[in-house]
Amino acid sequence: MIQDFWGNAIFSVIPTILMGLIFWFIMRSILRADRTERETLKKYEAEERARRGLPAKKD
């Protein structure tokens, strides 16, 4: 009887934990990609401003 309880408890919690981990991984990937894209765009914009002889953009 007690083995059934703990087995059911574990199998009830595992899907929730796995879905949480998948959600966390996806959100982490999205946020990292956004941060990387912003840094790349900032570098590209600075290069273009320097190429055209414009002053550096203030942050």
Protein backbone atom coordinates (compact mmCIF):
# COMPACT_ATOMS: atom_id res chain seq x y z
CA MET A 1 0.00 0.00 0.00
CA ILE A 2 2.72 2.48 0.95
CA GLN A 3 4.70 1.62 -2.19
CA ASP A 4 1.70 2.47 -4.34
CA PHE A 5 1.36 5.83 -2.59
CA TRP A 6 4.98 6.86 -3.16
CA GLY A 7 4.99 5.52 -6.70
CA ASN A 8 1.86 7.49 -7.54
CA ALA A 9 3.25 10.59 -5.85
CA ILE A 10 6.49 10.42 -7.84
CA PHE A 11 4.75 9.78 -11.15
CA SER A 12 2.36 12.65 -10.44
CA VAL A 13 5.16 15.15 -9.83
CA ILE A 14 7.57 14.11 -12.60
CA PRO A 15 5.52 15.51 -15.55
CA THR A 16 5.14 18.86 -13.78
CA ILE A 17 8.86 19.08 -13.08
CA LEU A 18 9.75 18.10 -16.65
CA MET A 19 7.38 20.67 -18.15
CA GLY A 20 8.84 23.31 -15.83
CA LEU A 21 12.36 22.45 -16.92
CA ILE A 22 11.40 22.54 -20.61
CA PHE A 23 9.70 25.93 -20.12
CA TRP A 24 12.75 27.26 -18.24
CA PHE A 25 15.13 26.08 -20.97
CA ILE A 26 13.04 27.65 -23.74
CA MET A 27 12.71 30.98 -21.92
CA ARG A 28 16.44 31.00 -21.14
CA SER A 29 17.24 30.39 -24.81
CA ILE A 30 14.92 33.17 -25.95
CA LEU A 31 16.37 35.67 -23.49
CA ARG A 32 19.95 34.79 -24.37
CA ALA A 33 19.22 35.08 -28.09
CA ASP A 34 17.62 38.48 -27.57
CA ARG A 35 20.59 39.72 -25.54
CA THR A 36 23.05 38.48 -28.15
CA GLU A 37 21.05 40.05 -30.97
CA ARG A 38 20.95 43.42 -29.19
CA GLU A 39 24.71 43.36 -28.60
CA THR A 40 25.36 42.47 -32.25
CA LEU A 41 23.03 45.21 -33.47
CA LYS A 42 24.72 47.73 -31.19
CA LYS A 43 28.16 46.81 -32.59
CA TYR A 44 26.87 46.96 -36.16
CA GLU A 45 25.27 50.36 -35.58
CA ALA A 46 28.50 51.72 -34.03
CA GLU A 47 30.51 50.48 -37.03
CA GLU A 48 28.08 52.12 -39.46
CA ARG A 49 28.13 55.41 -37.56
CA ALA A 50 31.94 55.37 -37.54
CA ARG A 51 32.05 54.52 -41.24
CA ARG A 52 29.81 57.48 -42.07
CA GLY A 53 31.75 59.84 -39.80
CA LEU A 54 28.90 60.39 -37.37
CA PRO A 55 29.51 60.87 -33.66
CA ALA A 56 29.11 57.87 -31.35
CA LYS A 57 25.62 57.33 -30.02
CA LYS A 58 25.15 58.09 -26.34
CA ASP A 59 23.63 55.32 -24.24
